[in-house]
PDB file of N, CA and C in Angstrom:
ATOM      1  N   MET A   1       0.872  -1.175   0.011  1.00  0.00           N
ATOM      2  CA  MET A   1       0.019  -0.042  -0.041  1.00  0.00           C
ATOM      3  C   MET A   1       0.883   1.241  -0.013  1.00  0.00           C
ATOM      4  N   PRO A   2       0.681   2.150  -0.953  1.00  0.00           N
ATOM      5  CA  PRO A   2       1.479   3.376  -0.952  1.00  0.00           C
ATOM      6  C   PRO A   2       1.073   4.322   0.201  1.00  0.00           C
ATOM      7  N   ASN A   3       2.048   5.210   0.531  1.00  0.00           N
ATOM      8  CA  ASN A   3       1.753   6.162   1.523  1.00  0.00           C
ATOM      9  C   ASN A   3       0.713   7.137   1.004  1.00  0.00           C
ATOM     10  N   THR A   4      -0.222   7.518   1.796  1.00  0.00           N
ATOM     11  CA  THR A   4      -1.356   8.327   1.397  1.00  0.00           C
ATOM     12  C   THR A   4      -1.671   9.430   2.451  1.00  0.00           C
ATOM     13  N   ASP A   5      -1.913  10.660   2.029  1.00  0.00           N
ATOM     14  CA  ASP A   5      -2.390  11.814   2.821  1.00  0.00           C
ATOM     15  C   ASP A   5      -3.784  12.103   2.311  1.00  0.00           C
ATOM     16  N   VAL A   6      -4.690  12.360   3.250  1.00  0.00           N
ATOM     17  CA  VAL A   6      -5.967  12.871   2.943  1.00  0.00           C
ATOM     18  C   VAL A   6      -6.286  14.088   3.858  1.00  0.00           C
ATOM     19  N   TYR A   7      -6.501  15.208   3.236  1.00  0.00           N
ATOM     20  CA  TYR A   7      -6.745  16.409   3.973  1.00  0.00           C
ATOM     21  C   TYR A   7      -7.761  17.375   3.360  1.00  0.00           C
ATOM     22  N   THR A   8      -8.243  18.271   4.133  1.00  0.00           N
ATOM     23  CA  THR A   8      -9.280  19.210   3.689  1.00  0.00           C
ATOM     24  C   THR A   8      -8.710  20.513   3.428  1.00  0.00           C
ATOM     25  N   THR A   9      -9.251  21.317   2.578  1.00  0.00           N
ATOM     26  CA  THR A   9      -8.861  22.686   2.305  1.00  0.00           C
ATOM     27  C   THR A   9     -10.212  23.469   2.264  1.00  0.00           C
ATOM     28  N   ASP A  10     -10.094  24.794   2.035  1.00  0.00           N
ATOM     29  CA  ASP A  10     -11.236  25.624   1.935  1.00  0.00           C
ATOM     30  C   ASP A  10     -12.131  25.201   0.731  1.00  0.00           C
ATOM     31  N   ASN A  11     -11.547  24.615  -0.302  1.00  0.00           N
ATOM     32  CA  ASN A  11     -12.215  24.286  -1.551  1.00  0.00           C
ATOM     33  C   ASN A  11     -12.683  22.856  -1.574  1.00  0.00           C
ATOM     34  N   GLY A  12     -12.203  22.044  -0.747  1.00  0.00           N
ATOM     35  CA  GLY A  12     -12.658  20.640  -0.802  1.00  0.00           C
ATOM     36  C   GLY A  12     -11.661  19.707  -0.099  1.00  0.00           C
ATOM     37  N   LEU A  13     -11.538  18.499  -0.631  1.00  0.00           N
ATOM     38  CA  LEU A  13     -10.699  17.425  -0.098  1.00  0.00           C
ATOM     39  C   LEU A  13      -9.535  17.082  -0.995  1.00  0.00           C
ATOM     40  N   VAL A  14      -8.447  16.769  -0.544  1.00  0.00           N
ATOM     41  CA  VAL A  14      -7.256  16.384  -1.321  1.00  0.00           C
ATOM     42  C   VAL A  14      -6.761  15.016  -0.893  1.00  0.00           C
ATOM     43  N   VAL A  15      -6.564  14.122  -1.843  1.00  0.00           N
ATOM     44  CA  VAL A  15      -6.024  12.798  -1.628  1.00  0.00           C
ATOM     45  C   VAL A  15      -4.650  12.846  -2.384  1.00  0.00           C
ATOM     46  N   LYS A  16      -3.533  12.628  -1.677  1.00  0.00           N
ATOM     47  CA  LYS A  16      -2.153  12.633  -2.179  1.00  0.00           C
ATOM     48  C   LYS A  16      -1.524  11.308  -1.901  1.00  0.00           C
ATOM     49  N   VAL A  17      -1.042  10.599  -2.981  1.00  0.00           N
ATOM     50  CA  VAL A  17      -0.511   9.312  -2.865  1.00  0.00           C
ATOM     51  C   VAL A  17       0.902   9.312  -3.437  1.00  0.00           C
ATOM     52  N   GLU A  18       1.788   8.708  -2.738  1.00  0.00           N
ATOM     53  CA  GLU A  18       3.136   8.592  -3.101  1.00  0.00           C
ATOM     54  C   GLU A  18       3.385   7.434  -3.974  1.00  0.00           C
ATOM     55  N   LEU A  19       3.703   7.616  -5.301  1.00  0.00           N
ATOM     56  CA  LEU A  19       3.748   6.532  -6.293  1.00  0.00           C
ATOM     57  C   LEU A  19       5.036   6.672  -7.175  1.00  0.00           C
ATOM     58  N   ALA A  20       6.155   6.843  -6.601  1.00  0.00           N
ATOM     59  CA  ALA A  20       7.321   7.034  -7.370  1.00  0.00           C
ATOM     60  C   ALA A  20       7.627   5.836  -8.266  1.00  0.00           C
ATOM     61  N   GLY A  21       8.094   6.024  -9.454  1.00  0.00           N
ATOM     62  CA  GLY A  21       8.477   5.004 -10.304  1.00  0.00           C
ATOM     63  C   GLY A  21       7.347   4.461 -11.142  1.00  0.00           C
ATOM     64  N   MET A  22       6.238   5.043 -11.056  1.00  0.00           N
ATOM     65  CA  MET A  22       5.042   4.584 -11.857  1.00  0.00           C
ATOM     66  C   MET A  22       4.725   5.482 -13.018  1.00  0.00           C
ATOM     67  N   ARG A  23       3.926   4.962 -13.985  1.00  0.00           N
ATOM     68  CA  ARG A  23       3.440   5.786 -15.006  1.00  0.00           C
ATOM     69  C   ARG A  23       1.920   5.893 -14.769  1.00  0.00           C
ATOM     70  N   SER A  24       1.429   6.992 -15.299  1.00  0.00           N
ATOM     71  CA  SER A  24       0.012   7.276 -15.056  1.00  0.00           C
ATOM     72  C   SER A  24      -0.880   6.282 -15.676  1.00  0.00           C
ATOM     73  N   GLU A  25      -0.501   5.651 -16.761  1.00  0.00           N
ATOM     74  CA  GLU A  25      -1.311   4.622 -17.477  1.00  0.00           C
ATOM     75  C   GLU A  25      -1.358   3.363 -16.596  1.00  0.00           C
ATOM     76  N   HIS A  26      -0.557   3.233 -15.595  1.00  0.00           N
ATOM     77  CA  HIS A  26      -0.553   2.043 -14.744  1.00  0.00           C
ATOM     78  C   HIS A  26      -1.584   2.277 -13.516  1.00  0.00           C
ATOM     79  N   LEU A  27      -2.188   3.423 -13.495  1.00  0.00           N
ATOM     80  CA  LEU A  27      -3.146   3.782 -12.367  1.00  0.00           C
ATOM     81  C   LEU A  27      -4.551   3.653 -12.787  1.00  0.00           C
ATOM     82  N   GLU A  28      -5.379   3.259 -11.834  1.00  0.00           N
ATOM     83  CA  GLU A  28      -6.839   3.224 -12.050  1.00  0.00           C
ATOM     84  C   GLU A  28      -7.566   3.788 -10.824  1.00  0.00           C
ATOM     85  N   ILE A  29      -8.416   4.818 -11.041  1.00  0.00           N
ATOM     86  CA  ILE A  29      -9.110   5.435  -9.926  1.00  0.00           C
ATOM     87  C   ILE A  29     -10.631   5.231 -10.232  1.00  0.00           C
ATOM     88  N   THR A  30     -11.343   4.544  -9.313  1.00  0.00           N
ATOM     89  CA  THR A  30     -12.820   4.392  -9.483  1.00  0.00           C
ATOM     90  C   THR A  30     -13.457   4.920  -8.236  1.00  0.00           C
ATOM     91  N   VAL A  31     -14.725   5.356  -8.431  1.00  0.00           N
ATOM     92  CA  VAL A  31     -15.518   5.896  -7.342  1.00  0.00           C
ATOM     93  C   VAL A  31     -16.863   5.128  -7.309  1.00  0.00           C
ATOM     94  N   GLU A  32     -17.225   4.765  -6.119  1.00  0.00           N
ATOM     95  CA  GLU A  32     -18.492   4.122  -5.846  1.00  0.00           C
ATOM     96  C   GLU A  32     -19.133   4.688  -4.534  1.00  0.00           C
ATOM     97  N   GLY A  33     -20.160   5.494  -4.764  1.00  0.00           N
ATOM     98  CA  GLY A  33     -20.646   6.086  -3.577  1.00  0.00           C
ATOM     99  C   GLY A  33     -19.703   7.059  -2.915  1.00  0.00           C
ATOM    100  N   SER A  34     -19.337   6.843  -1.645  1.00  0.00           N
ATOM    101  CA  SER A  34     -18.348   7.655  -1.009  1.00  0.00           C
ATOM    102  C   SER A  34     -16.962   6.972  -0.940  1.00  0.00           C
ATOM    103  N   ARG A  35     -16.821   5.875  -1.657  1.00  0.00           N
ATOM    104  CA  ARG A  35     -15.575   5.147  -1.635  1.00  0.00           C
ATOM    105  C   ARG A  35     -14.759   5.427  -2.938  1.00  0.00           C
ATOM    106  N   MET A  36     -13.493   5.677  -2.681  1.00  0.00           N
ATOM    107  CA  MET A  36     -12.556   5.922  -3.806  1.00  0.00           C
ATOM    108  C   MET A  36     -11.511   4.793  -3.804  1.00  0.00           C
ATOM    109  N   ARG A  37     -11.433   4.080  -4.884  1.00  0.00           N
ATOM    110  CA  ARG A  37     -10.434   2.927  -5.060  1.00  0.00           C
ATOM    111  C   ARG A  37      -9.377   3.380  -5.931  1.00  0.00           C
ATOM    112  N   ILE A  38      -8.116   3.298  -5.442  1.00  0.00           N
ATOM    113  CA  ILE A  38      -6.894   3.643  -6.262  1.00  0.00           C
ATOM    114  C   ILE A  38      -6.137   2.332  -6.405  1.00  0.00           C
ATOM    115  N   ALA A  39      -5.901   1.970  -7.633  1.00  0.00           N
ATOM    116  CA  ALA A  39      -5.222   0.676  -7.885  1.00  0.00           C
ATOM    117  C   ALA A  39      -4.182   0.927  -8.954  1.00  0.00           C
ATOM    118  N   GLY A  40      -3.186   0.020  -8.935  1.00  0.00           N
ATOM    119  CA  GLY A  40      -2.152   0.151  -9.928  1.00  0.00           C
ATOM    120  C   GLY A  40      -1.087  -0.986  -9.821  1.00  0.00           C
ATOM    121  N   ASN A  41      -0.095  -0.881 -10.579  1.00  0.00           N
ATOM    122  CA  ASN A  41       0.970  -1.835 -10.606  1.00  0.00           C
ATOM    123  C   ASN A  41       2.258  -1.167 -10.787  1.00  0.00           C
ATOM    124  N   ARG A  42       3.159  -1.226  -9.795  1.00  0.00           N
ATOM    125  CA  ARG A  42       4.507  -0.676  -9.830  1.00  0.00           C
ATOM    126  C   ARG A  42       5.437  -1.707 -10.336  1.00  0.00           C
ATOM    127  N   PRO A  43       5.976  -1.587 -11.553  1.00  0.00           N
ATOM    128  CA  PRO A  43       6.844  -2.604 -12.064  1.00  0.00           C
ATOM    129  C   PRO A  43       8.277  -2.492 -11.478  1.00  0.00           C
ATOM    130  N   ASP A  44       8.890  -3.630 -11.438  1.00  0.00           N
ATOM    131  CA  ASP A  44      10.190  -3.710 -10.831  1.00  0.00           C
ATOM    132  C   ASP A  44      11.223  -3.900 -12.020  1.00  0.00           C
ATOM    133  N   GLY A  45      11.511  -2.837 -12.744  1.00  0.00           N
ATOM    134  CA  GLY A  45      12.269  -2.990 -13.923  1.00  0.00           C
ATOM    135  C   GLY A  45      13.711  -2.709 -13.788  1.00  0.00           C
ATOM    136  N   CYS A  46      14.230  -2.309 -12.525  1.00  0.00           N
ATOM    137  CA  CYS A  46      15.635  -1.944 -12.422  1.00  0.00           C
ATOM    138  C   CYS A  46      16.422  -3.026 -11.517  1.00  0.00           C
ATOM    139  N   ARG A  47      15.790  -4.038 -11.174  1.00  0.00           N
ATOM    140  CA  ARG A  47      16.476  -5.016 -10.336  1.00  0.00           C
ATOM    141  C   ARG A  47      17.382  -5.894 -11.186  1.00  0.00           C
ATOM    142  N   ALA A  48      18.515  -6.195 -10.674  1.00  0.00           N
ATOM    143  CA  ALA A  48      19.436  -7.156 -11.432  1.00  0.00           C
ATOM    144  C   ALA A  48      18.859  -8.522 -11.297  1.00  0.00           C
ATOM    145  N   ALA A  49      19.211  -9.368 -12.198  1.00  0.00           N
ATOM    146  CA  ALA A  49      18.729 -10.669 -12.312  1.00  0.00           C
ATOM    147  C   ALA A  49      19.052 -11.461 -10.986  1.00  0.00           C
ATOM    148  N   LYS A  50      20.332 -11.291 -10.503  1.00  0.00           N
ATOM    149  CA  LYS A  50      20.679 -11.951  -9.302  1.00  0.00           C
ATOM    150  C   LYS A  50      21.006 -10.854  -8.276  1.00  0.00           C
ATOM    151  N   ALA A  51      19.947 -10.480  -7.634  1.00  0.00           N
ATOM    152  CA  ALA A  51      20.094  -9.412  -6.553  1.00  0.00           C
ATOM    153  C   ALA A  51      19.957 -10.044  -5.235  1.00  0.00           C
ATOM    154  N   SER A  52      20.830  -9.529  -4.317  1.00  0.00           N
ATOM    155  CA  SER A  52      20.801  -9.928  -2.811  1.00  0.00           C
ATOM    156  C   SER A  52      20.580  -8.726  -2.067  1.00  0.00           C
ATOM    157  N   PHE A  53      19.377  -8.532  -1.554  1.00  0.00           N
ATOM    158  CA  PHE A  53      18.997  -7.267  -0.910  1.00  0.00           C
ATOM    159  C   PHE A  53      19.584  -7.164   0.469  1.00  0.00           C
ATOM    160  N   LEU A  54      20.024  -6.070   0.888  1.00  0.00           N
ATOM    161  CA  LEU A  54      20.524  -5.740   2.151  1.00  0.00           C
ATOM    162  C   LEU A  54      19.306  -5.004   2.868  1.00  0.00           C
ATOM    163  N   VAL A  55      18.585  -4.143   2.153  1.00  0.00           N
ATOM    164  CA  VAL A  55      17.442  -3.430   2.592  1.00  0.00           C
ATOM    165  C   VAL A  55      16.461  -3.470   1.479  1.00  0.00           C
ATOM    166  N   MET A  56      15.219  -3.705   1.761  1.00  0.00           N
ATOM    167  CA  MET A  56      14.155  -3.669   0.713  1.00  0.00           C
ATOM    168  C   MET A  56      12.913  -3.050   1.380  1.00  0.00           C
ATOM    169  N   GLU A  57      12.677  -1.730   0.983  1.00  0.00           N
ATOM    170  CA  GLU A  57      11.550  -0.960   1.535  1.00  0.00           C
ATOM    171  C   GLU A  57      10.590  -0.574   0.454  1.00  0.00           C
ATOM    172  N   ILE A  58      11.006  -0.692  -0.787  1.00  0.00           N
ATOM    173  CA  ILE A  58      10.076  -0.252  -1.898  1.00  0.00           C
ATOM    174  C   ILE A  58       9.199  -1.477  -2.261  1.00  0.00           C
ATOM    175  N   ASN A  59       7.907  -1.187  -2.318  1.00  0.00           N
ATOM    176  CA  ASN A  59       7.024  -2.275  -2.747  1.00  0.00           C
ATOM    177  C   ASN A  59       6.791  -2.232  -4.244  1.00  0.00           C
ATOM    178  N   TYR A  60       6.798  -3.407  -4.816  1.00  0.00           N
ATOM    179  CA  TYR A  60       6.607  -3.516  -6.274  1.00  0.00           C
ATOM    180  C   TYR A  60       5.430  -4.437  -6.479  1.00  0.00           C
ATOM    181  N   GLY A  61       4.850  -4.367  -7.651  1.00  0.00           N
ATOM    182  CA  GLY A  61       3.752  -5.208  -8.020  1.00  0.00           C
ATOM    183  C   GLY A  61       2.407  -4.509  -7.945  1.00  0.00           C
ATOM    184  N   PRO A  62       1.365  -5.214  -7.968  1.00  0.00           N
ATOM    185  CA  PRO A  62      -0.004  -4.665  -7.960  1.00  0.00           C
ATOM    186  C   PRO A  62      -0.350  -4.177  -6.503  1.00  0.00           C
ATOM    187  N   PHE A  63      -1.176  -3.120  -6.461  1.00  0.00           N
ATOM    188  CA  PHE A  63      -1.578  -2.605  -5.099  1.00  0.00           C
ATOM    189  C   PHE A  63      -3.004  -2.096  -5.320  1.00  0.00           C
ATOM    190  N   GLU A  64      -3.688  -1.967  -4.192  1.00  0.00           N
ATOM    191  CA  GLU A  64      -5.051  -1.439  -4.300  1.00  0.00           C
ATOM    192  C   GLU A  64      -5.247  -0.740  -2.876  1.00  0.00           C
ATOM    193  N   SER A  65      -5.881   0.410  -2.931  1.00  0.00           N
ATOM    194  CA  SER A  65      -6.211   1.185  -1.623  1.00  0.00           C
ATOM    195  C   SER A  65      -7.588   1.651  -1.749  1.00  0.00           C
ATOM    196  N   VAL A  66      -8.451   1.442  -0.805  1.00  0.00           N
ATOM    197  CA  VAL A  66      -9.833   1.938  -0.821  1.00  0.00           C
ATOM    198  C   VAL A  66      -9.988   2.922   0.308  1.00  0.00           C
ATOM    199  N   LEU A  67     -10.438   4.062  -0.053  1.00  0.00           N
ATOM    200  CA  LEU A  67     -10.595   5.100   0.935  1.00  0.00           C
ATOM    201  C   LEU A  67     -12.071   5.425   1.104  1.00  0.00           C
ATOM    202  N   GLU A  68     -12.552   5.407   2.338  1.00  0.00           N
ATOM    203  CA  GLU A  68     -13.914   5.820   2.621  1.00  0.00           C
ATOM    204  C   GLU A  68     -13.885   7.313   2.950  1.00  0.00           C
ATOM    205  N   LEU A  69     -14.431   8.158   2.077  1.00  0.00           N
ATOM    206  CA  LEU A  69     -14.316   9.593   2.235  1.00  0.00           C
ATOM    207  C   LEU A  69     -15.563  10.112   2.919  1.00  0.00           C
ATOM    208  N   PRO A  70     -15.443  11.205   3.732  1.00  0.00           N
ATOM    209  CA  PRO A  70     -16.591  11.761   4.438  1.00  0.00           C
ATOM    210  C   PRO A  70     -17.601  12.321   3.451  1.00  0.00           C
ATOM    211  N   VAL A  71     -18.845  12.543   3.949  1.00  0.00           N
ATOM    212  CA  VAL A  71     -19.908  13.163   3.099  1.00  0.00           C
ATOM    213  C   VAL A  71     -19.596  14.686   2.986  1.00  0.00           C
ATOM    214  N   GLY A  72     -20.215  15.232   2.016  1.00  0.00           N
ATOM    215  CA  GLY A  72     -19.995  16.667   1.745  1.00  0.00           C
ATOM    216  C   GLY A  72     -19.128  16.975   0.654  1.00  0.00           C
ATOM    217  N   TYR A  73     -18.665  15.977  -0.107  1.00  0.00           N
ATOM    218  CA  TYR A  73     -17.762  16.197  -1.186  1.00  0.00           C
ATOM    219  C   TYR A  73     -18.269  15.508  -2.475  1.00  0.00           C
ATOM    220  N   ASP A  74     -18.112  16.144  -3.589  1.00  0.00           N
ATOM    221  CA  ASP A  74     -18.703  15.662  -4.834  1.00  0.00           C
ATOM    222  C   ASP A  74     -17.630  14.863  -5.618  1.00  0.00           C
ATOM    223  N   LEU A  75     -17.563  13.546  -5.355  1.00  0.00           N
ATOM    224  CA  LEU A  75     -16.655  12.637  -6.001  1.00  0.00           C
ATOM    225  C   LEU A  75     -16.823  12.630  -7.560  1.00  0.00           C
ATOM    226  N   SER A  76     -17.968  12.857  -8.017  1.00  0.00           N
ATOM    227  CA  SER A  76     -18.188  12.898  -9.520  1.00  0.00           C
ATOM    228  C   SER A  76     -17.411  13.958 -10.209  1.00  0.00           C
ATOM    229  N   LEU A  77     -17.014  15.002  -9.415  1.00  0.00           N
ATOM    230  CA  LEU A  77     -16.191  16.113 -10.004  1.00  0.00           C
ATOM    231  C   LEU A  77     -14.701  16.066  -9.576  1.00  0.00           C
ATOM    232  N   ALA A  78     -14.218  14.991  -9.133  1.00  0.00           N
ATOM    233  CA  ALA A  78     -12.848  14.761  -8.738  1.00  0.00           C
ATOM    234  C   ALA A  78     -11.918  14.933  -9.889  1.00  0.00           C
ATOM    235  N   LYS A  79     -10.815  15.521  -9.734  1.00  0.00           N
ATOM    236  CA  LYS A  79      -9.773  15.663 -10.747  1.00  0.00           C
ATOM    237  C   LYS A  79      -8.480  15.103 -10.309  1.00  0.00           C
ATOM    238  N   ALA A  80      -7.781  14.349 -11.086  1.00  0.00           N
ATOM    239  CA  ALA A  80      -6.499  13.754 -10.672  1.00  0.00           C
ATOM    240  C   ALA A  80      -5.363  14.164 -11.629  1.00  0.00           C
ATOM    241  N   ALA A  81      -4.217  14.312 -10.956  1.00  0.00           N
ATOM    242  CA  ALA A  81      -2.939  14.682 -11.708  1.00  0.00           C
ATOM    243  C   ALA A  81      -1.809  13.875 -11.124  1.00  0.00           C
ATOM    244  N   TYR A  82      -0.973  13.449 -11.932  1.00  0.00           N
ATOM    245  CA  TYR A  82       0.220  12.646 -11.469  1.00  0.00           C
ATOM    246  C   TYR A  82       1.483  13.397 -11.914  1.00  0.00           C
ATOM    247  N   LEU A  83       2.267  13.807 -11.029  1.00  0.00           N
ATOM    248  CA  LEU A  83       3.442  14.653 -11.231  1.00  0.00           C
ATOM    249  C   LEU A  83       4.503  14.370 -10.220  1.00  0.00           C
ATOM    250  N   ASN A  84       5.692  14.188 -10.685  1.00  0.00           N
ATOM    251  CA  ASN A  84       6.896  13.919  -9.866  1.00  0.00           C
ATOM    252  C   ASN A  84       6.673  12.846  -8.854  1.00  0.00           C
ATOM    253  N   GLY A  85       6.067  11.780  -9.237  1.00  0.00           N
ATOM    254  CA  GLY A  85       5.960  10.565  -8.320  1.00  0.00           C
ATOM    255  C   GLY A  85       4.767  10.730  -7.316  1.00  0.00           C
ATOM    256  N   PHE A  86       3.918  11.764  -7.429  1.00  0.00           N
ATOM    257  CA  PHE A  86       2.756  11.859  -6.639  1.00  0.00           C
ATOM    258  C   PHE A  86       1.451  11.937  -7.386  1.00  0.00           C
ATOM    259  N   LEU A  87       0.462  11.259  -6.927  1.00  0.00           N
ATOM    260  CA  LEU A  87      -0.837  11.332  -7.497  1.00  0.00           C
ATOM    261  C   LEU A  87      -1.637  12.273  -6.540  1.00  0.00           C
ATOM    262  N   ARG A  88      -2.233  13.300  -7.146  1.00  0.00           N
ATOM    263  CA  ARG A  88      -3.028  14.243  -6.313  1.00  0.00           C
ATOM    264  C   ARG A  88      -4.405  14.250  -6.910  1.00  0.00           C
ATOM    265  N   ILE A  89      -5.405  14.025  -6.076  1.00  0.00           N
ATOM    266  CA  ILE A  89      -6.759  13.924  -6.443  1.00  0.00           C
ATOM    267  C   ILE A  89      -7.463  15.023  -5.666  1.00  0.00           C
ATOM    268  N   ASP A  90      -8.105  16.008  -6.380  1.00  0.00           N
ATOM    269  CA  ASP A  90      -8.815  17.096  -5.737  1.00  0.00           C
ATOM    270  C   ASP A  90     -10.330  16.833  -5.869  1.00  0.00           C
ATOM    271  N   VAL A  91     -11.051  16.903  -4.748  1.00  0.00           N
ATOM    272  CA  VAL A  91     -12.448  16.631  -4.691  1.00  0.00           C
ATOM    273  C   VAL A  91     -13.179  17.847  -4.188  1.00  0.00           C
ATOM    274  N   PRO A  92     -13.900  18.508  -4.995  1.00  0.00           N
ATOM    275  CA  PRO A  92     -14.610  19.720  -4.521  1.00  0.00           C
ATOM    276  C   PRO A  92     -15.718  19.487  -3.515  1.00  0.00           C
ATOM    277  N   LEU A  93     -16.044  20.553  -2.772  1.00  0.00           N
ATOM    278  CA  LEU A  93     -17.147  20.433  -1.859  1.00  0.00           C
ATOM    279  C   LEU A  93     -18.442  20.233  -2.689  1.00  0.00           C
ATOM    280  N   ALA A  94     -19.352  19.462  -2.106  1.00  0.00           N
ATOM    281  CA  ALA A  94     -20.669  19.280  -2.777  1.00  0.00           C
ATOM    282  C   ALA A  94     -21.427  20.633  -2.764  1.00  0.00           C
ATOM    283  N   GLN A  95     -22.045  20.918  -3.882  1.00  0.00           N
ATOM    284  CA  GLN A  95     -22.875  22.089  -3.948  1.00  0.00           C
ATOM    285  C   GLN A  95     -24.285  21.751  -3.430  1.00  0.00           C
ATOM    286  N   ARG A  96     -24.636  22.316  -2.314  1.00  0.00           N
ATOM    287  CA  ARG A  96     -26.003  22.089  -1.768  1.00  0.00           C
ATOM    288  C   ARG A  96     -26.921  23.170  -2.468  1.00  0.00           C
ATOM    289  N   GLN A  97     -27.910  22.630  -3.020  1.00  0.00           N
ATOM    290  CA  GLN A  97     -28.887  23.561  -3.673  1.00  0.00           C
ATOM    291  C   GLN A  97     -30.032  23.731  -2.650  1.00  0.00           C
ATOM    292  N   THR A  98     -30.213  24.973  -2.254  1.00  0.00           N
ATOM    293  CA  THR A  98     -31.293  25.189  -1.354  1.00  0.00           C
ATOM    294  C   THR A  98     -32.335  26.004  -2.096  1.00  0.00           C
ATOM    295  N   LYS A  99     -33.530  25.680  -1.822  1.00  0.00           N
ATOM    296  CA  LYS A  99     -34.692  26.381  -2.475  1.00  0.00           C
ATOM    297  C   LYS A  99     -35.199  27.285  -1.449  1.00  0.00           C
ATOM    298  N   ASN A 100     -35.675  28.485  -1.869  1.00  0.00           N
ATOM    299  CA  ASN A 100     -36.368  29.287  -0.951  1.00  0.00           C
ATOM    300  C   ASN A 100     -37.806  28.681  -0.902  1.00  0.00           C
ATOM    301  N   THR A 101     -38.257  28.399   0.323  1.00  0.00           N
ATOM    302  CA  THR A 101     -39.532  27.819   0.555  1.00  0.00           C
ATOM    303  C   THR A 101     -40.377  28.808   1.397  1.00  0.00           C
ATOM    304  N   ARG A 102     -41.636  28.794   1.259  1.00  0.00           N
ATOM    305  CA  ARG A 102     -42.465  29.640   2.042  1.00  0.00           C
ATOM    306  C   ARG A 102     -43.314  28.723   2.980  1.00  0.00           C
ATOM    307  N   VAL A 103     -43.252  28.998   4.160  1.00  0.00           N
ATOM    308  CA  VAL A 103     -44.049  28.216   5.230  1.00  0.00           C
ATOM    309  C   VAL A 103     -45.225  28.898   5.472  1.00  0.00           C
ATOM    310  N   LEU A 104     -46.337  28.303   5.239  1.00  0.00           N
ATOM    311  CA  LEU A 104     -47.647  28.944   5.503  1.00  0.00           C
ATOM    312  C   LEU A 104     -48.029  28.770   6.964  1.00  0.00           C
ATOM    313  N   VAL A 105     -48.444  29.792   7.558  1.00  0.00           N
ATOM    314  CA  VAL A 105     -48.839  29.807   9.031  1.00  0.00           C
ATOM    315  C   VAL A 105     -50.320  29.789   9.067  1.00  0.00           C
ATOM    316  N   ALA A 106     -50.933  28.848   9.633  1.00  0.00           N
ATOM    317  CA  ALA A 106     -52.394  28.757   9.769  1.00  0.00           C
ATOM    318  C   ALA A 106     -52.818  29.538  10.984  1.00  0.00           C
ATOM    319  N   GLU A 107     -53.934  30.245  10.879  1.00  0.00           N
ATOM    320  CA  GLU A 107     -54.457  31.064  12.014  1.00  0.00           C
ATOM    321  C   GLU A 107     -55.214  30.112  12.925  1.00  0.00           C
ATOM    322  N   GLY A 108     -54.904  30.329  14.275  1.00  0.00           N
ATOM    323  CA  GLY A 108     -55.520  29.449  15.191  1.00  0.00           C
ATOM    324  C   GLY A 108     -56.953  29.870  15.560  1.00  0.00           C
ATOM    325  N   ASN A 109     -57.778  29.051  15.948  1.00  0.00           N
ATOM    326  CA  ASN A 109     -59.228  29.322  16.339  1.00  0.00           C
ATOM    327  C   ASN A 109     -59.400  29.581  17.715  1.00  0.00           C
TER     328      ASN A 109
END
C-alpha cells in the first residue's frame, strides 16, 4: 500500500498518494458512492537478475487502496494529476442547492 495523505482545504478534499516509479497509465481510480479505489501496478524494472538485498523498503507489483471519504464532497467532479511521483486527487465540496420555501402559518381558532 502506498503512503497516502487525505486532508481538507477551503475548496474541498485532497488525496495525495506517493507513487514514485510509476506511469499514469498504470493507475486506475474508481468511485462508488463515498468510496474511492486507487489501484495500480508498480513494475520492478531496475532489479538485477541476481540481486541480494540488504534493505528492501520499496513495494513492487500490484496494489489497491480503498478510501472511505466523508460526506459533503462531490466525487463525481474529482480531478486527478500525476506529477513527480505523486498522485493528487482534488475533490470539490458538494454544492448544496437550497430552495427558498415559504412556510404557511395557519391562523388558530
